[in-house]
């Protein structure tokens, strides 16, 4: 495991992990936040193998 120190806001930390998808690239960490757990799971399935720029354009119903 690799840990990188960062100042994460309490609000982001308080969100249930089942409602977040976290991805990274060479210089960025992206947090995708969803209202429903099901939306997160659909997003993860639909974006498997995508590059960051492709993933950012995916919209959920």
PDB file of N, CA and C in Angstrom:
ATOM      1  N   UNK A   1       0.849  -1.167   0.000  1.00  0.00           N
ATOM      2  CA  UNK A   1       0.000   0.000   0.000  1.00  0.00           C
ATOM      3  C   UNK A   1       0.893   1.227   0.000  1.00  0.00           C
ATOM      4  N   UNK A   2       0.477   2.233  -0.759  1.00  0.00           N
ATOM      5  CA  UNK A   2       1.177   3.509  -0.791  1.00  0.00           C
ATOM      6  C   UNK A   2       0.229   4.566  -0.253  1.00  0.00           C
ATOM      7  N   UNK A   3       0.684   5.322   0.723  1.00  0.00           N
ATOM      8  CA  UNK A   3      -0.132   6.392   1.305  1.00  0.00           C
ATOM      9  C   UNK A   3       0.523   7.724   1.018  1.00  0.00           C
ATOM     10  N   UNK A   4      -0.267   8.681   0.577  1.00  0.00           N
ATOM     11  CA  UNK A   4       0.209  10.029   0.310  1.00  0.00           C
ATOM     12  C   UNK A   4      -0.556  10.968   1.220  1.00  0.00           C
ATOM     13  N   UNK A   5       0.156  11.703   2.024  1.00  0.00           N
ATOM     14  CA  UNK A   5      -0.480  12.654   2.945  1.00  0.00           C
ATOM     15  C   UNK A   5      -1.179  13.751   2.157  1.00  0.00           C
ATOM     16  N   UNK A   6      -2.393  14.077   2.564  1.00  0.00           N
ATOM     17  CA  UNK A   6      -3.151  15.154   1.932  1.00  0.00           C
ATOM     18  C   UNK A   6      -4.149  15.682   2.945  1.00  0.00           C
ATOM     19  N   UNK A   7      -4.536  16.905   2.783  1.00  0.00           N
ATOM     20  CA  UNK A   7      -5.559  17.501   3.634  1.00  0.00           C
ATOM     21  C   UNK A   7      -6.924  17.253   2.988  1.00  0.00           C
ATOM     22  N   UNK A   8      -7.580  16.195   3.429  1.00  0.00           N
ATOM     23  CA  UNK A   8      -8.899  15.832   2.919  1.00  0.00           C
ATOM     24  C   UNK A   8      -9.943  16.475   3.829  1.00  0.00           C
ATOM     25  N   UNK A   9     -10.907  17.131   3.221  1.00  0.00           N
ATOM     26  CA  UNK A   9     -11.932  17.795   4.028  1.00  0.00           C
ATOM     27  C   UNK A   9     -12.743  16.780   4.821  1.00  0.00           C
ATOM     28  N   UNK A  10     -13.236  17.200   5.961  1.00  0.00           N
ATOM     29  CA  UNK A  10     -14.063  16.341   6.807  1.00  0.00           C
ATOM     30  C   UNK A  10     -15.295  15.872   6.036  1.00  0.00           C
ATOM     31  N   UNK A  11     -15.897  16.767   5.257  1.00  0.00           N
ATOM     32  CA  UNK A  11     -17.099  16.427   4.496  1.00  0.00           C
ATOM     33  C   UNK A  11     -16.840  15.264   3.541  1.00  0.00           C
ATOM     34  N   UNK A  12     -15.697  15.283   2.876  1.00  0.00           N
ATOM     35  CA  UNK A  12     -15.369  14.187   1.959  1.00  0.00           C
ATOM     36  C   UNK A  12     -15.075  12.905   2.735  1.00  0.00           C
ATOM     37  N   UNK A  13     -14.390  13.036   3.839  1.00  0.00           N
ATOM     38  CA  UNK A  13     -14.092  11.878   4.664  1.00  0.00           C
ATOM     39  C   UNK A  13     -15.323  11.244   5.280  1.00  0.00           C
ATOM     40  N   UNK A  14     -16.348  12.064   5.545  1.00  0.00           N
ATOM     41  CA  UNK A  14     -17.577  11.566   6.157  1.00  0.00           C
ATOM     42  C   UNK A  14     -18.470  10.804   5.181  1.00  0.00           C
ATOM     43  N   UNK A  15     -18.254  10.967   3.890  1.00  0.00           N
ATOM     44  CA  UNK A  15     -19.085  10.273   2.887  1.00  0.00           C
ATOM     45  C   UNK A  15     -18.743   8.789   2.915  1.00  0.00           C
ATOM     46  N   UNK A  16     -19.766   7.963   2.959  1.00  0.00           N
ATOM     47  CA  UNK A  16     -19.601   6.512   2.977  1.00  0.00           C
ATOM     48  C   UNK A  16     -18.779   6.060   1.775  1.00  0.00           C
ATOM     49  N   UNK A  17     -17.823   5.168   2.002  1.00  0.00           N
ATOM     50  CA  UNK A  17     -16.968   4.685   0.918  1.00  0.00           C
ATOM     51  C   UNK A  17     -17.760   4.038  -0.209  1.00  0.00           C
ATOM     52  N   UNK A  18     -18.905   3.487   0.094  1.00  0.00           N
ATOM     53  CA  UNK A  18     -19.747   2.867  -0.937  1.00  0.00           C
ATOM     54  C   UNK A  18     -20.374   3.904  -1.866  1.00  0.00           C
ATOM     55  N   UNK A  19     -20.246   5.187  -1.525  1.00  0.00           N
ATOM     56  CA  UNK A  19     -20.790   6.266  -2.352  1.00  0.00           C
ATOM     57  C   UNK A  19     -19.693   7.026  -3.087  1.00  0.00           C
ATOM     58  N   UNK A  20     -18.446   6.578  -2.952  1.00  0.00           N
ATOM     59  CA  UNK A  20     -17.312   7.258  -3.596  1.00  0.00           C
ATOM     60  C   UNK A  20     -16.589   6.295  -4.527  1.00  0.00           C
ATOM     61  N   UNK A  21     -16.112   6.844  -5.625  1.00  0.00           N
ATOM     62  CA  UNK A  21     -15.176   6.124  -6.487  1.00  0.00           C
ATOM     63  C   UNK A  21     -13.944   7.014  -6.571  1.00  0.00           C
ATOM     64  N   UNK A  22     -12.779   6.450  -6.330  1.00  0.00           N
ATOM     65  CA  UNK A  22     -11.553   7.238  -6.287  1.00  0.00           C
ATOM     66  C   UNK A  22     -10.585   6.688  -7.329  1.00  0.00           C
ATOM     67  N   UNK A  23     -10.130   7.564  -8.199  1.00  0.00           N
ATOM     68  CA  UNK A  23      -9.182   7.189  -9.244  1.00  0.00           C
ATOM     69  C   UNK A  23      -8.020   8.169  -9.222  1.00  0.00           C
ATOM     70  N   UNK A  24      -6.900   7.767  -9.777  1.00  0.00           N
ATOM     71  CA  UNK A  24      -5.742   8.656  -9.836  1.00  0.00           C
ATOM     72  C   UNK A  24      -5.044   8.532 -11.179  1.00  0.00           C
ATOM     73  N   UNK A  25      -4.315   9.581 -11.520  1.00  0.00           N
ATOM     74  CA  UNK A  25      -3.420   9.553 -12.667  1.00  0.00           C
ATOM     75  C   UNK A  25      -2.045   9.949 -12.145  1.00  0.00           C
ATOM     76  N   UNK A  26      -1.142  10.324 -13.006  1.00  0.00           N
ATOM     77  CA  UNK A  26       0.211  10.682 -12.567  1.00  0.00           C
ATOM     78  C   UNK A  26       0.216  11.876 -11.616  1.00  0.00           C
ATOM     79  N   UNK A  27      -0.707  12.812 -11.837  1.00  0.00           N
ATOM     80  CA  UNK A  27      -0.645  14.052 -11.059  1.00  0.00           C
ATOM     81  C   UNK A  27      -1.972  14.478 -10.442  1.00  0.00           C
ATOM     82  N   UNK A  28      -2.962  13.602 -10.446  1.00  0.00           N
ATOM     83  CA  UNK A  28      -4.290  13.972  -9.970  1.00  0.00           C
ATOM     84  C   UNK A  28      -4.951  12.811  -9.243  1.00  0.00           C
ATOM     85  N   UNK A  29      -5.727  13.137  -8.224  1.00  0.00           N
ATOM     86  CA  UNK A  29      -6.608  12.163  -7.587  1.00  0.00           C
ATOM     87  C   UNK A  29      -8.025  12.687  -7.761  1.00  0.00           C
ATOM     88  N   UNK A  30      -8.913  11.858  -8.278  1.00  0.00           N
ATOM     89  CA  UNK A  30     -10.296  12.271  -8.545  1.00  0.00           C
ATOM     90  C   UNK A  30     -11.253  11.489  -7.650  1.00  0.00           C
ATOM     91  N   UNK A  31     -12.182  12.202  -7.038  1.00  0.00           N
ATOM     92  CA  UNK A  31     -13.228  11.597  -6.221  1.00  0.00           C
ATOM     93  C   UNK A  31     -14.547  11.784  -6.953  1.00  0.00           C
ATOM     94  N   UNK A  32     -15.211  10.716  -7.280  1.00  0.00           N
ATOM     95  CA  UNK A  32     -16.545  10.763  -7.854  1.00  0.00           C
ATOM     96  C   UNK A  32     -17.504  10.429  -6.724  1.00  0.00           C
ATOM     97  N   UNK A  33     -18.481  11.294  -6.471  1.00  0.00           N
ATOM     98  CA  UNK A  33     -19.418  11.130  -5.364  1.00  0.00           C
ATOM     99  C   UNK A  33     -20.803  10.852  -5.938  1.00  0.00           C
ATOM    100  N   UNK A  34     -21.484   9.856  -5.380  1.00  0.00           N
ATOM    101  CA  UNK A  34     -22.792   9.449  -5.874  1.00  0.00           C
ATOM    102  C   UNK A  34     -23.820   9.493  -4.758  1.00  0.00           C
ATOM    103  N   UNK A  35     -25.076   9.768  -5.128  1.00  0.00           N
ATOM    104  CA  UNK A  35     -26.159   9.803  -4.143  1.00  0.00           C
ATOM    105  C   UNK A  35     -26.528   8.408  -3.671  1.00  0.00           C
ATOM    106  N   UNK A  36     -26.424   7.442  -4.581  1.00  0.00           N
ATOM    107  CA  UNK A  36     -26.827   6.075  -4.250  1.00  0.00           C
ATOM    108  C   UNK A  36     -25.683   5.102  -4.530  1.00  0.00           C
ATOM    109  N   UNK A  37     -25.595   4.106  -3.688  1.00  0.00           N
ATOM    110  CA  UNK A  37     -24.577   3.067  -3.820  1.00  0.00           C
ATOM    111  C   UNK A  37     -24.663   2.386  -5.184  1.00  0.00           C
ATOM    112  N   UNK A  38     -25.873   2.151  -5.645  1.00  0.00           N
ATOM    113  CA  UNK A  38     -26.093   1.497  -6.939  1.00  0.00           C
ATOM    114  C   UNK A  38     -25.465   2.314  -8.078  1.00  0.00           C
ATOM    115  N   UNK A  39     -25.565   3.646  -7.996  1.00  0.00           N
ATOM    116  CA  UNK A  39     -24.976   4.511  -9.019  1.00  0.00           C
ATOM    117  C   UNK A  39     -23.460   4.337  -9.065  1.00  0.00           C
ATOM    118  N   UNK A  40     -22.843   4.251  -7.894  1.00  0.00           N
ATOM    119  CA  UNK A  40     -21.396   4.061  -7.832  1.00  0.00           C
ATOM    120  C   UNK A  40     -20.996   2.756  -8.491  1.00  0.00           C
ATOM    121  N   UNK A  41     -21.718   1.684  -8.164  1.00  0.00           N
ATOM    122  CA  UNK A  41     -21.387   0.377  -8.733  1.00  0.00           C
ATOM    123  C   UNK A  41     -21.567   0.370 -10.251  1.00  0.00           C
ATOM    124  N   UNK A  42     -22.615   1.010 -10.746  1.00  0.00           N
ATOM    125  CA  UNK A  42     -22.831   1.103 -12.190  1.00  0.00           C
ATOM    126  C   UNK A  42     -21.697   1.880 -12.844  1.00  0.00           C
ATOM    127  N   UNK A  43     -21.292   2.984 -12.225  1.00  0.00           N
ATOM    128  CA  UNK A  43     -20.208   3.803 -12.751  1.00  0.00           C
ATOM    129  C   UNK A  43     -18.906   3.007 -12.822  1.00  0.00           C
ATOM    130  N   UNK A  44     -18.583   2.299 -11.770  1.00  0.00           N
ATOM    131  CA  UNK A  44     -17.351   1.502 -11.733  1.00  0.00           C
ATOM    132  C   UNK A  44     -17.377   0.457 -12.839  1.00  0.00           C
ATOM    133  N   UNK A  45     -18.496  -0.222 -13.017  1.00  0.00           N
ATOM    134  CA  UNK A  45     -18.608  -1.245 -14.064  1.00  0.00           C
ATOM    135  C   UNK A  45     -18.485  -0.630 -15.461  1.00  0.00           C
ATOM    136  N   UNK A  46     -19.145   0.510 -15.675  1.00  0.00           N
ATOM    137  CA  UNK A  46     -19.143   1.138 -16.999  1.00  0.00           C
ATOM    138  C   UNK A  46     -17.804   1.752 -17.363  1.00  0.00           C
ATOM    139  N   UNK A  47     -16.979   2.087 -16.388  1.00  0.00           N
ATOM    140  CA  UNK A  47     -15.737   2.795 -16.669  1.00  0.00           C
ATOM    141  C   UNK A  47     -14.487   1.934 -16.515  1.00  0.00           C
ATOM    142  N   UNK A  48     -14.654   0.650 -16.337  1.00  0.00           N
ATOM    143  CA  UNK A  48     -13.484  -0.241 -16.219  1.00  0.00           C
ATOM    144  C   UNK A  48     -12.602  -0.093 -17.456  1.00  0.00           C
ATOM    145  N   UNK A  49     -11.322   0.116 -17.227  1.00  0.00           N
ATOM    146  CA  UNK A  49     -10.358   0.200 -18.318  1.00  0.00           C
ATOM    147  C   UNK A  49     -10.296   1.530 -19.039  1.00  0.00           C
ATOM    148  N   UNK A  50     -11.120   2.486 -18.645  1.00  0.00           N
ATOM    149  CA  UNK A  50     -11.125   3.792 -19.304  1.00  0.00           C
ATOM    150  C   UNK A  50      -9.997   4.676 -18.791  1.00  0.00           C
ATOM    151  N   UNK A  51      -9.546   5.564 -19.651  1.00  0.00           N
ATOM    152  CA  UNK A  51      -8.611   6.598 -19.236  1.00  0.00           C
ATOM    153  C   UNK A  51      -9.372   7.662 -18.453  1.00  0.00           C
ATOM    154  N   UNK A  52      -8.635   8.464 -17.692  1.00  0.00           N
ATOM    155  CA  UNK A  52      -9.243   9.502 -16.856  1.00  0.00           C
ATOM    156  C   UNK A  52     -10.160  10.410 -17.677  1.00  0.00           C
ATOM    157  N   UNK A  53      -9.695  10.877 -18.812  1.00  0.00           N
ATOM    158  CA  UNK A  53     -10.485  11.807 -19.625  1.00  0.00           C
ATOM    159  C   UNK A  53     -11.776  11.146 -20.129  1.00  0.00           C
ATOM    160  N   UNK A  54     -11.727   9.865 -20.432  1.00  0.00           N
ATOM    161  CA  UNK A  54     -12.929   9.143 -20.869  1.00  0.00           C
ATOM    162  C   UNK A  54     -13.905   8.988 -19.705  1.00  0.00           C
ATOM    163  N   UNK A  55     -13.382   8.650 -18.546  1.00  0.00           N
ATOM    164  CA  UNK A  55     -14.207   8.425 -17.362  1.00  0.00           C
ATOM    165  C   UNK A  55     -14.949   9.687 -16.953  1.00  0.00           C
ATOM    166  N   UNK A  56     -14.307  10.831 -17.121  1.00  0.00           N
ATOM    167  CA  UNK A  56     -14.908  12.099 -16.735  1.00  0.00           C
ATOM    168  C   UNK A  56     -16.133  12.448 -17.579  1.00  0.00           C
ATOM    169  N   UNK A  57     -16.272  11.851 -18.752  1.00  0.00           N
ATOM    170  CA  UNK A  57     -17.397  12.168 -19.626  1.00  0.00           C
ATOM    171  C   UNK A  57     -18.591  11.246 -19.446  1.00  0.00           C
ATOM    172  N   UNK A  58     -18.452  10.234 -18.613  1.00  0.00           N
ATOM    173  CA  UNK A  58     -19.538   9.265 -18.390  1.00  0.00           C
ATOM    174  C   UNK A  58     -20.613   9.899 -17.499  1.00  0.00           C
ATOM    175  N   UNK A  59     -21.846   9.813 -17.940  1.00  0.00           N
ATOM    176  CA  UNK A  59     -22.975  10.307 -17.143  1.00  0.00           C
ATOM    177  C   UNK A  59     -23.849   9.139 -16.754  1.00  0.00           C
ATOM    178  N   UNK A  60     -24.341   9.152 -15.537  1.00  0.00           N
ATOM    179  CA  UNK A  60     -25.264   8.110 -15.072  1.00  0.00           C
ATOM    180  C   UNK A  60     -26.697   8.599 -15.180  1.00  0.00           C
ATOM    181  N   UNK A  61     -27.578   7.666 -15.399  1.00  0.00           N
ATOM    182  CA  UNK A  61     -29.011   7.996 -15.462  1.00  0.00           C
ATOM    183  C   UNK A  61     -29.561   8.139 -14.063  1.00  0.00           C
TER     184      UNK A  61
END
